mmCIF file of all heavy atoms, coordinates in Angstrom:
data_MODEL
# 
_entry.id   MODEL 
# 
loop_
_atom_site.group_PDB 
_atom_site.id 
_atom_site.type_symbol 
_atom_site.label_atom_id 
_atom_site.label_alt_id 
_atom_site.label_comp_id 
_atom_site.label_asym_id 
_atom_site.label_entity_id 
_atom_site.label_seq_id 
_atom_site.pdbx_PDB_ins_code 
_atom_site.Cartn_x 
_atom_site.Cartn_y 
_atom_site.Cartn_z 
_atom_site.occupancy 
_atom_site.B_iso_or_equiv 
_atom_site.pdbx_formal_charge 
_atom_site.auth_seq_id 
_atom_site.auth_comp_id 
_atom_site.auth_asym_id 
_atom_site.auth_atom_id 
_atom_site.pdbx_PDB_model_num 
ATOM 1   N N   . GLY A 1 1  ? 107.541 115.665 91.548  1.00 0.00 ? 1  GLY A N   1 
ATOM 2   C CA  . GLY A 1 1  ? 108.504 114.571 91.416  1.00 0.00 ? 1  GLY A CA  1 
ATOM 3   C C   . GLY A 1 1  ? 109.717 114.752 92.309  1.00 0.00 ? 1  GLY A C   1 
ATOM 4   O O   . GLY A 1 1  ? 110.324 113.774 92.746  1.00 0.00 ? 1  GLY A O   1 
ATOM 5   N N   . ASP A 1 2  ? 110.071 116.031 92.605  1.00 0.00 ? 2  ASP A N   1 
ATOM 6   C CA  . ASP A 1 2  ? 111.196 116.290 93.507  1.00 0.00 ? 2  ASP A CA  1 
ATOM 7   C C   . ASP A 1 2  ? 110.904 115.746 94.901  1.00 0.00 ? 2  ASP A C   1 
ATOM 8   O O   . ASP A 1 2  ? 111.798 115.231 95.586  1.00 0.00 ? 2  ASP A O   1 
ATOM 9   C CB  . ASP A 1 2  ? 111.480 117.794 93.583  1.00 0.00 ? 2  ASP A CB  1 
ATOM 10  C CG  . ASP A 1 2  ? 111.929 118.374 92.248  1.00 0.00 ? 2  ASP A CG  1 
ATOM 11  O OD1 . ASP A 1 2  ? 112.529 117.621 91.461  1.00 0.00 ? 2  ASP A OD1 1 
ATOM 12  O OD2 . ASP A 1 2  ? 111.675 119.567 92.012  1.00 0.00 ? 2  ASP A OD2 1 
ATOM 13  N N   . ALA A 1 3  ? 109.655 115.894 95.320  1.00 0.00 ? 3  ALA A N   1 
ATOM 14  C CA  . ALA A 1 3  ? 109.264 115.366 96.625  1.00 0.00 ? 3  ALA A CA  1 
ATOM 15  C C   . ALA A 1 3  ? 109.328 113.845 96.644  1.00 0.00 ? 3  ALA A C   1 
ATOM 16  O O   . ALA A 1 3  ? 109.796 113.234 97.613  1.00 0.00 ? 3  ALA A O   1 
ATOM 17  C CB  . ALA A 1 3  ? 107.854 115.847 96.979  1.00 0.00 ? 3  ALA A CB  1 
ATOM 18  N N   . LEU A 1 4  ? 108.891 113.222 95.566  1.00 0.00 ? 4  LEU A N   1 
ATOM 19  C CA  . LEU A 1 4  ? 108.892 111.761 95.508  1.00 0.00 ? 4  LEU A CA  1 
ATOM 20  C C   . LEU A 1 4  ? 110.304 111.184 95.471  1.00 0.00 ? 4  LEU A C   1 
ATOM 21  O O   . LEU A 1 4  ? 110.510 110.013 95.806  1.00 0.00 ? 4  LEU A O   1 
ATOM 22  C CB  . LEU A 1 4  ? 108.096 111.290 94.290  1.00 0.00 ? 4  LEU A CB  1 
ATOM 23  C CG  . LEU A 1 4  ? 106.604 111.667 94.292  1.00 0.00 ? 4  LEU A CG  1 
ATOM 24  C CD1 . LEU A 1 4  ? 105.925 111.141 93.039  1.00 0.00 ? 4  LEU A CD1 1 
ATOM 25  C CD2 . LEU A 1 4  ? 105.903 111.132 95.540  1.00 0.00 ? 4  LEU A CD2 1 
ATOM 26  N N   . GLN A 1 5  ? 111.280 112.003 95.051  1.00 0.00 ? 5  GLN A N   1 
ATOM 27  C CA  . GLN A 1 5  ? 112.670 111.542 95.019  1.00 0.00 ? 5  GLN A CA  1 
ATOM 28  C C   . GLN A 1 5  ? 113.168 111.159 96.412  1.00 0.00 ? 5  GLN A C   1 
ATOM 29  O O   . GLN A 1 5  ? 114.114 110.365 96.542  1.00 0.00 ? 5  GLN A O   1 
ATOM 30  C CB  . GLN A 1 5  ? 113.570 112.634 94.444  1.00 0.00 ? 5  GLN A CB  1 
ATOM 31  C CG  . GLN A 1 5  ? 113.418 112.854 92.945  1.00 0.00 ? 5  GLN A CG  1 
ATOM 32  C CD  . GLN A 1 5  ? 113.920 111.669 92.137  1.00 0.00 ? 5  GLN A CD  1 
ATOM 33  O OE1 . GLN A 1 5  ? 114.975 111.111 92.428  1.00 0.00 ? 5  GLN A OE1 1 
ATOM 34  N NE2 . GLN A 1 5  ? 113.165 111.278 91.130  1.00 0.00 ? 5  GLN A NE2 1 
ATOM 35  N N   . LEU A 1 6  ? 112.551 111.700 97.447  1.00 0.00 ? 6  LEU A N   1 
ATOM 36  C CA  . LEU A 1 6  ? 112.988 111.403 98.812  1.00 0.00 ? 6  LEU A CA  1 
ATOM 37  C C   . LEU A 1 6  ? 112.845 109.917 99.137  1.00 0.00 ? 6  LEU A C   1 
ATOM 38  O O   . LEU A 1 6  ? 113.551 109.400 100.007 1.00 0.00 ? 6  LEU A O   1 
ATOM 39  C CB  . LEU A 1 6  ? 112.181 112.240 99.820  1.00 0.00 ? 6  LEU A CB  1 
ATOM 40  C CG  . LEU A 1 6  ? 112.396 113.754 99.759  1.00 0.00 ? 6  LEU A CG  1 
ATOM 41  C CD1 . LEU A 1 6  ? 111.461 114.456 100.734 1.00 0.00 ? 6  LEU A CD1 1 
ATOM 42  C CD2 . LEU A 1 6  ? 113.841 114.124 100.064 1.00 0.00 ? 6  LEU A CD2 1 
ATOM 43  N N   . PHE A 1 7  ? 111.936 109.223 98.454  1.00 0.00 ? 7  PHE A N   1 
ATOM 44  C CA  . PHE A 1 7  ? 111.755 107.802 98.700  1.00 0.00 ? 7  PHE A CA  1 
ATOM 45  C C   . PHE A 1 7  ? 112.965 106.974 98.242  1.00 0.00 ? 7  PHE A C   1 
ATOM 46  O O   . PHE A 1 7  ? 113.060 105.785 98.546  1.00 0.00 ? 7  PHE A O   1 
ATOM 47  C CB  . PHE A 1 7  ? 110.494 107.291 97.982  1.00 0.00 ? 7  PHE A CB  1 
ATOM 48  C CG  . PHE A 1 7  ? 109.213 107.682 98.671  1.00 0.00 ? 7  PHE A CG  1 
ATOM 49  C CD1 . PHE A 1 7  ? 108.485 108.787 98.258  1.00 0.00 ? 7  PHE A CD1 1 
ATOM 50  C CD2 . PHE A 1 7  ? 108.737 106.938 99.743  1.00 0.00 ? 7  PHE A CD2 1 
ATOM 51  C CE1 . PHE A 1 7  ? 107.302 109.142 98.887  1.00 0.00 ? 7  PHE A CE1 1 
ATOM 52  C CE2 . PHE A 1 7  ? 107.557 107.288 100.380 1.00 0.00 ? 7  PHE A CE2 1 
ATOM 53  C CZ  . PHE A 1 7  ? 106.836 108.394 99.955  1.00 0.00 ? 7  PHE A CZ  1 
ATOM 54  N N   . ARG A 1 8  ? 113.882 107.594 97.531  1.00 0.00 ? 8  ARG A N   1 
ATOM 55  C CA  . ARG A 1 8  ? 115.072 106.883 97.066  1.00 0.00 ? 8  ARG A CA  1 
ATOM 56  C C   . ARG A 1 8  ? 116.175 106.837 98.115  1.00 0.00 ? 8  ARG A C   1 
ATOM 57  O O   . ARG A 1 8  ? 117.138 106.083 97.972  1.00 0.00 ? 8  ARG A O   1 
ATOM 58  C CB  . ARG A 1 8  ? 115.615 107.556 95.799  1.00 0.00 ? 8  ARG A CB  1 
ATOM 59  C CG  . ARG A 1 8  ? 114.652 107.551 94.620  1.00 0.00 ? 8  ARG A CG  1 
ATOM 60  C CD  . ARG A 1 8  ? 115.241 108.290 93.433  1.00 0.00 ? 8  ARG A CD  1 
ATOM 61  N NE  . ARG A 1 8  ? 116.532 107.746 93.035  1.00 0.00 ? 8  ARG A NE  1 
ATOM 62  C CZ  . ARG A 1 8  ? 117.327 108.288 92.118  1.00 0.00 ? 8  ARG A CZ  1 
ATOM 63  N NH1 . ARG A 1 8  ? 116.974 109.426 91.535  1.00 0.00 ? 8  ARG A NH1 1 
ATOM 64  N NH2 . ARG A 1 8  ? 118.485 107.729 91.815  1.00 0.00 ? 8  ARG A NH2 1 
ATOM 65  N N   . TYR A 1 9  ? 116.055 107.638 99.164  1.00 0.00 ? 9  TYR A N   1 
ATOM 66  C CA  . TYR A 1 9  ? 117.141 107.784 100.125 1.00 0.00 ? 9  TYR A CA  1 
ATOM 67  C C   . TYR A 1 9  ? 116.922 106.914 101.364 1.00 0.00 ? 9  TYR A C   1 
ATOM 68  O O   . TYR A 1 9  ? 115.895 107.039 102.046 1.00 0.00 ? 9  TYR A O   1 
ATOM 69  C CB  . TYR A 1 9  ? 117.278 109.251 100.544 1.00 0.00 ? 9  TYR A CB  1 
ATOM 70  C CG  . TYR A 1 9  ? 117.465 110.196 99.375  1.00 0.00 ? 9  TYR A CG  1 
ATOM 71  C CD1 . TYR A 1 9  ? 116.814 111.423 99.346  1.00 0.00 ? 9  TYR A CD1 1 
ATOM 72  C CD2 . TYR A 1 9  ? 118.279 109.854 98.296  1.00 0.00 ? 9  TYR A CD2 1 
ATOM 73  C CE1 . TYR A 1 9  ? 116.979 112.298 98.287  1.00 0.00 ? 9  TYR A CE1 1 
ATOM 74  C CE2 . TYR A 1 9  ? 118.456 110.709 97.225  1.00 0.00 ? 9  TYR A CE2 1 
ATOM 75  C CZ  . TYR A 1 9  ? 117.789 111.939 97.224  1.00 0.00 ? 9  TYR A CZ  1 
ATOM 76  O OH  . TYR A 1 9  ? 117.948 112.788 96.162  1.00 0.00 ? 9  TYR A OH  1 
ATOM 77  N N   . ARG A 1 10 ? 117.900 106.058 101.664 1.00 0.00 ? 10 ARG A N   1 
ATOM 78  C CA  . ARG A 1 10 ? 117.786 105.179 102.827 1.00 0.00 ? 10 ARG A CA  1 
ATOM 79  C C   . ARG A 1 10 ? 117.715 105.977 104.126 1.00 0.00 ? 10 ARG A C   1 
ATOM 80  O O   . ARG A 1 10 ? 117.004 105.586 105.070 1.00 0.00 ? 10 ARG A O   1 
ATOM 81  C CB  . ARG A 1 10 ? 118.986 104.225 102.871 1.00 0.00 ? 10 ARG A CB  1 
ATOM 82  C CG  . ARG A 1 10 ? 118.868 103.156 103.944 1.00 0.00 ? 10 ARG A CG  1 
ATOM 83  C CD  . ARG A 1 10 ? 119.977 102.139 103.852 1.00 0.00 ? 10 ARG A CD  1 
ATOM 84  N NE  . ARG A 1 10 ? 121.288 102.765 104.094 1.00 0.00 ? 10 ARG A NE  1 
ATOM 85  C CZ  . ARG A 1 10 ? 122.414 102.076 104.248 1.00 0.00 ? 10 ARG A CZ  1 
ATOM 86  N NH1 . ARG A 1 10 ? 122.391 100.751 104.177 1.00 0.00 ? 10 ARG A NH1 1 
ATOM 87  N NH2 . ARG A 1 10 ? 123.552 102.707 104.442 1.00 0.00 ? 10 ARG A NH2 1 
ATOM 88  N N   . PHE A 1 11 ? 118.432 107.089 104.173 1.00 0.00 ? 11 PHE A N   1 
ATOM 89  C CA  . PHE A 1 11 ? 118.405 107.940 105.363 1.00 0.00 ? 11 PHE A CA  1 
ATOM 90  C C   . PHE A 1 11 ? 116.972 108.385 105.670 1.00 0.00 ? 11 PHE A C   1 
ATOM 91  O O   . PHE A 1 11 ? 116.528 108.362 106.826 1.00 0.00 ? 11 PHE A O   1 
ATOM 92  C CB  . PHE A 1 11 ? 119.301 109.164 105.135 1.00 0.00 ? 11 PHE A CB  1 
ATOM 93  C CG  . PHE A 1 11 ? 119.497 110.034 106.341 1.00 0.00 ? 11 PHE A CG  1 
ATOM 94  C CD1 . PHE A 1 11 ? 120.539 109.799 107.228 1.00 0.00 ? 11 PHE A CD1 1 
ATOM 95  C CD2 . PHE A 1 11 ? 118.634 111.100 106.604 1.00 0.00 ? 11 PHE A CD2 1 
ATOM 96  C CE1 . PHE A 1 11 ? 120.723 110.610 108.340 1.00 0.00 ? 11 PHE A CE1 1 
ATOM 97  C CE2 . PHE A 1 11 ? 118.815 111.911 107.711 1.00 0.00 ? 11 PHE A CE2 1 
ATOM 98  C CZ  . PHE A 1 11 ? 119.863 111.659 108.577 1.00 0.00 ? 11 PHE A CZ  1 
ATOM 99  N N   . MET A 1 12 ? 116.240 108.790 104.627 1.00 0.00 ? 12 MET A N   1 
ATOM 100 C CA  . MET A 1 12 ? 114.862 109.246 104.821 1.00 0.00 ? 12 MET A CA  1 
ATOM 101 C C   . MET A 1 12 ? 113.941 108.093 105.209 1.00 0.00 ? 12 MET A C   1 
ATOM 102 O O   . MET A 1 12 ? 112.995 108.279 105.970 1.00 0.00 ? 12 MET A O   1 
ATOM 103 C CB  . MET A 1 12 ? 114.351 109.944 103.561 1.00 0.00 ? 12 MET A CB  1 
ATOM 104 C CG  . MET A 1 12 ? 115.009 111.290 103.278 1.00 0.00 ? 12 MET A CG  1 
ATOM 105 S SD  . MET A 1 12 ? 114.808 112.487 104.636 1.00 0.00 ? 12 MET A SD  1 
ATOM 106 C CE  . MET A 1 12 ? 113.032 112.695 104.668 1.00 0.00 ? 12 MET A CE  1 
ATOM 107 N N   . TRP A 1 13 ? 114.212 106.904 104.702 1.00 0.00 ? 13 TRP A N   1 
ATOM 108 C CA  . TRP A 1 13 ? 113.404 105.746 105.085 1.00 0.00 ? 13 TRP A CA  1 
ATOM 109 C C   . TRP A 1 13 ? 113.574 105.422 106.576 1.00 0.00 ? 13 TRP A C   1 
ATOM 110 O O   . TRP A 1 13 ? 112.596 105.093 107.262 1.00 0.00 ? 13 TRP A O   1 
ATOM 111 C CB  . TRP A 1 13 ? 113.786 104.530 104.233 1.00 0.00 ? 13 TRP A CB  1 
ATOM 112 C CG  . TRP A 1 13 ? 113.026 104.456 102.945 1.00 0.00 ? 13 TRP A CG  1 
ATOM 113 C CD1 . TRP A 1 13 ? 113.429 104.903 101.726 1.00 0.00 ? 13 TRP A CD1 1 
ATOM 114 C CD2 . TRP A 1 13 ? 111.728 103.896 102.758 1.00 0.00 ? 13 TRP A CD2 1 
ATOM 115 N NE1 . TRP A 1 13 ? 112.460 104.665 100.780 1.00 0.00 ? 13 TRP A NE1 1 
ATOM 116 C CE2 . TRP A 1 13 ? 111.399 104.043 101.378 1.00 0.00 ? 13 TRP A CE2 1 
ATOM 117 C CE3 . TRP A 1 13 ? 110.803 103.287 103.605 1.00 0.00 ? 13 TRP A CE3 1 
ATOM 118 C CZ2 . TRP A 1 13 ? 110.192 103.593 100.840 1.00 0.00 ? 13 TRP A CZ2 1 
ATOM 119 C CZ3 . TRP A 1 13 ? 109.596 102.842 103.066 1.00 0.00 ? 13 TRP A CZ3 1 
ATOM 120 C CH2 . TRP A 1 13 ? 109.295 102.997 101.707 1.00 0.00 ? 13 TRP A CH2 1 
ATOM 121 N N   . ILE A 1 14 ? 114.811 105.521 107.072 1.00 0.00 ? 14 ILE A N   1 
ATOM 122 C CA  . ILE A 1 14 ? 115.032 105.260 108.504 1.00 0.00 ? 14 ILE A CA  1 
ATOM 123 C C   . ILE A 1 14 ? 114.305 106.310 109.344 1.00 0.00 ? 14 ILE A C   1 
ATOM 124 O O   . ILE A 1 14 ? 113.636 105.986 110.341 1.00 0.00 ? 14 ILE A O   1 
ATOM 125 C CB  . ILE A 1 14 ? 116.537 105.255 108.830 1.00 0.00 ? 14 ILE A CB  1 
ATOM 126 C CG1 . ILE A 1 14 ? 117.239 104.099 108.108 1.00 0.00 ? 14 ILE A CG1 1 
ATOM 127 C CG2 . ILE A 1 14 ? 116.751 105.137 110.339 1.00 0.00 ? 14 ILE A CG2 1 
ATOM 128 C CD1 . ILE A 1 14 ? 116.791 102.729 108.544 1.00 0.00 ? 14 ILE A CD1 1 
ATOM 129 N N   . CYS A 1 15 ? 114.419 107.575 108.948 1.00 0.00 ? 15 CYS A N   1 
ATOM 130 C CA  . CYS A 1 15 ? 113.685 108.629 109.648 1.00 0.00 ? 15 CYS A CA  1 
ATOM 131 C C   . CYS A 1 15 ? 112.183 108.359 109.599 1.00 0.00 ? 15 CYS A C   1 
ATOM 132 O O   . CYS A 1 15 ? 111.465 108.534 110.588 1.00 0.00 ? 15 CYS A O   1 
ATOM 133 C CB  . CYS A 1 15 ? 113.978 109.997 109.020 1.00 0.00 ? 15 CYS A CB  1 
ATOM 134 S SG  . CYS A 1 15 ? 115.644 110.624 109.314 1.00 0.00 ? 15 CYS A SG  1 
ATOM 135 N N   . GLY A 1 16 ? 111.711 107.922 108.414 1.00 0.00 ? 16 GLY A N   1 
ATOM 136 C CA  . GLY A 1 16 ? 110.292 107.644 108.259 1.00 0.00 ? 16 GLY A CA  1 
ATOM 137 C C   . GLY A 1 16 ? 109.821 106.502 109.145 1.00 0.00 ? 16 GLY A C   1 
ATOM 138 O O   . GLY A 1 16 ? 108.720 106.563 109.719 1.00 0.00 ? 16 GLY A O   1 
ATOM 139 N N   . LEU A 1 17 ? 110.620 105.462 109.301 1.00 0.00 ? 17 LEU A N   1 
ATOM 140 C CA  . LEU A 1 17 ? 110.231 104.335 110.148 1.00 0.00 ? 17 LEU A CA  1 
ATOM 141 C C   . LEU A 1 17 ? 110.158 104.743 111.617 1.00 0.00 ? 17 LEU A C   1 
ATOM 142 O O   . LEU A 1 17 ? 109.264 104.291 112.357 1.00 0.00 ? 17 LEU A O   1 
ATOM 143 C CB  . LEU A 1 17 ? 111.212 103.173 109.956 1.00 0.00 ? 17 LEU A CB  1 
ATOM 144 C CG  . LEU A 1 17 ? 111.127 102.475 108.590 1.00 0.00 ? 17 LEU A CG  1 
ATOM 145 C CD1 . LEU A 1 17 ? 112.291 101.500 108.413 1.00 0.00 ? 17 LEU A CD1 1 
ATOM 146 C CD2 . LEU A 1 17 ? 109.790 101.751 108.445 1.00 0.00 ? 17 LEU A CD2 1 
ATOM 147 N N   . ILE A 1 18 ? 111.077 105.590 112.047 1.00 0.00 ? 18 ILE A N   1 
ATOM 148 C CA  . ILE A 1 18 ? 111.017 106.078 113.427 1.00 0.00 ? 18 ILE A CA  1 
ATOM 149 C C   . ILE A 1 18 ? 109.795 106.983 113.608 1.00 0.00 ? 18 ILE A C   1 
ATOM 150 O O   . ILE A 1 18 ? 109.109 106.944 114.639 1.00 0.00 ? 18 ILE A O   1 
ATOM 151 C CB  . ILE A 1 18 ? 112.310 106.814 113.809 1.00 0.00 ? 18 ILE A CB  1 
ATOM 152 C CG1 . ILE A 1 18 ? 113.514 105.892 113.676 1.00 0.00 ? 18 ILE A CG1 1 
ATOM 153 C CG2 . ILE A 1 18 ? 112.231 107.347 115.250 1.00 0.00 ? 18 ILE A CG2 1 
ATOM 154 C CD1 . ILE A 1 18 ? 114.859 106.575 113.835 1.00 0.00 ? 18 ILE A CD1 1 
ATOM 155 N N   . GLN A 1 19 ? 109.500 107.791 112.580 1.00 0.00 ? 19 GLN A N   1 
ATOM 156 C CA  . GLN A 1 19 ? 108.285 108.608 112.623 1.00 0.00 ? 19 GLN A CA  1 
ATOM 157 C C   . GLN A 1 19 ? 107.037 107.733 112.701 1.00 0.00 ? 19 GLN A C   1 
ATOM 158 O O   . GLN A 1 19 ? 106.078 108.057 113.400 1.00 0.00 ? 19 GLN A O   1 
ATOM 159 C CB  . GLN A 1 19 ? 108.207 109.508 111.379 1.00 0.00 ? 19 GLN A CB  1 
ATOM 160 C CG  . GLN A 1 19 ? 109.204 110.654 111.344 1.00 0.00 ? 19 GLN A CG  1 
ATOM 161 C CD  . GLN A 1 19 ? 108.741 111.849 112.152 1.00 0.00 ? 19 GLN A CD  1 
ATOM 162 O OE1 . GLN A 1 19 ? 107.861 111.753 113.006 1.00 0.00 ? 19 GLN A OE1 1 
ATOM 163 N NE2 . GLN A 1 19 ? 109.334 112.995 111.882 1.00 0.00 ? 19 GLN A NE2 1 
ATOM 164 N N   . TYR A 1 20 ? 107.034 106.642 111.960 1.00 0.00 ? 20 TYR A N   1 
ATOM 165 C CA  . TYR A 1 20 ? 105.918 105.676 111.983 1.00 0.00 ? 20 TYR A CA  1 
ATOM 166 C C   . TYR A 1 20 ? 105.649 105.213 113.417 1.00 0.00 ? 20 TYR A C   1 
ATOM 167 O O   . TYR A 1 20 ? 104.500 105.174 113.876 1.00 0.00 ? 20 TYR A O   1 
ATOM 168 C CB  . TYR A 1 20 ? 106.278 104.489 111.090 1.00 0.00 ? 20 TYR A CB  1 
ATOM 169 C CG  . TYR A 1 20 ? 105.246 103.386 111.028 1.00 0.00 ? 20 TYR A CG  1 
ATOM 170 C CD1 . TYR A 1 20 ? 104.276 103.367 110.039 1.00 0.00 ? 20 TYR A CD1 1 
ATOM 171 C CD2 . TYR A 1 20 ? 105.279 102.329 111.942 1.00 0.00 ? 20 TYR A CD2 1 
ATOM 172 C CE1 . TYR A 1 20 ? 103.341 102.340 109.971 1.00 0.00 ? 20 TYR A CE1 1 
ATOM 173 C CE2 . TYR A 1 20 ? 104.358 101.304 111.886 1.00 0.00 ? 20 TYR A CE2 1 
ATOM 174 C CZ  . TYR A 1 20 ? 103.382 101.307 110.894 1.00 0.00 ? 20 TYR A CZ  1 
ATOM 175 O OH  . TYR A 1 20 ? 102.456 100.290 110.839 1.00 0.00 ? 20 TYR A OH  1 
ATOM 176 N N   . ILE A 1 21 ? 106.721 104.880 114.114 1.00 0.00 ? 21 ILE A N   1 
ATOM 177 C CA  . ILE A 1 21 ? 106.584 104.417 115.499 1.00 0.00 ? 21 ILE A CA  1 
ATOM 178 C C   . ILE A 1 21 ? 106.210 105.564 116.423 1.00 0.00 ? 21 ILE A C   1 
ATOM 179 O O   . ILE A 1 21 ? 105.358 105.412 117.308 1.00 0.00 ? 21 ILE A O   1 
ATOM 180 C CB  . ILE A 1 21 ? 107.885 103.739 115.945 1.00 0.00 ? 21 ILE A CB  1 
ATOM 181 C CG1 . ILE A 1 21 ? 108.072 102.430 115.167 1.00 0.00 ? 21 ILE A CG1 1 
ATOM 182 C CG2 . ILE A 1 21 ? 107.900 103.488 117.455 1.00 0.00 ? 21 ILE A CG2 1 
ATOM 183 C CD1 . ILE A 1 21 ? 109.438 101.802 115.303 1.00 0.00 ? 21 ILE A CD1 1 
ATOM 184 N N   . ARG A 1 22 ? 106.839 106.733 116.214 1.00 0.00 ? 22 ARG A N   1 
ATOM 185 C CA  . ARG A 1 22 ? 106.581 107.876 117.103 1.00 0.00 ? 22 ARG A CA  1 
ATOM 186 C C   . ARG A 1 22 ? 105.091 108.202 117.199 1.00 0.00 ? 22 ARG A C   1 
ATOM 187 O O   . ARG A 1 22 ? 104.511 108.234 118.285 1.00 0.00 ? 22 ARG A O   1 
ATOM 188 C CB  . ARG A 1 22 ? 107.329 109.121 116.615 1.00 0.00 ? 22 ARG A CB  1 
ATOM 189 C CG  . ARG A 1 22 ? 107.022 110.376 117.454 1.00 0.00 ? 22 ARG A CG  1 
ATOM 190 C CD  . ARG A 1 22 ? 107.575 111.632 116.815 1.00 0.00 ? 22 ARG A CD  1 
ATOM 191 N NE  . ARG A 1 22 ? 106.922 111.978 115.557 1.00 0.00 ? 22 ARG A NE  1 
ATOM 192 C CZ  . ARG A 1 22 ? 105.749 112.622 115.453 1.00 0.00 ? 22 ARG A CZ  1 
ATOM 193 N NH1 . ARG A 1 22 ? 105.094 112.980 116.543 1.00 0.00 ? 22 ARG A NH1 1 
ATOM 194 N NH2 . ARG A 1 22 ? 105.239 112.904 114.269 1.00 0.00 ? 22 ARG A NH2 1 
ATOM 195 N N   . LEU A 1 23 ? 104.453 108.454 116.067 1.00 0.00 ? 23 LEU A N   1 
ATOM 196 C CA  . LEU A 1 23 ? 103.052 108.865 116.125 1.00 0.00 ? 23 LEU A CA  1 
ATOM 197 C C   . LEU A 1 23 ? 102.121 107.681 116.347 1.00 0.00 ? 23 LEU A C   1 
ATOM 198 O O   . LEU A 1 23 ? 101.030 107.846 116.896 1.00 0.00 ? 23 LEU A O   1 
ATOM 199 C CB  . LEU A 1 23 ? 102.659 109.624 114.855 1.00 0.00 ? 23 LEU A CB  1 
ATOM 200 C CG  . LEU A 1 23 ? 101.393 110.476 115.007 1.00 0.00 ? 23 LEU A CG  1 
ATOM 201 C CD1 . LEU A 1 23 ? 101.556 111.523 116.108 1.00 0.00 ? 23 LEU A CD1 1 
ATOM 202 C CD2 . LEU A 1 23 ? 101.036 111.161 113.698 1.00 0.00 ? 23 LEU A CD2 1 
ATOM 203 N N   . GLY A 1 24 ? 102.556 106.472 115.929 1.00 0.00 ? 24 GLY A N   1 
ATOM 204 C CA  . GLY A 1 24 ? 101.756 105.297 116.247 1.00 0.00 ? 24 GLY A CA  1 
ATOM 205 C C   . GLY A 1 24 ? 101.624 105.117 117.750 1.00 0.00 ? 24 GLY A C   1 
ATOM 206 O O   . GLY A 1 24 ? 100.527 104.862 118.273 1.00 0.00 ? 24 GLY A O   1 
# 
């Protein structure tokens, strides 16, 4: 559950979206 808490943070979502584009 500690790992899933990261989905609550907007900062991590922005990083995740850039990661989405990077490897895509």
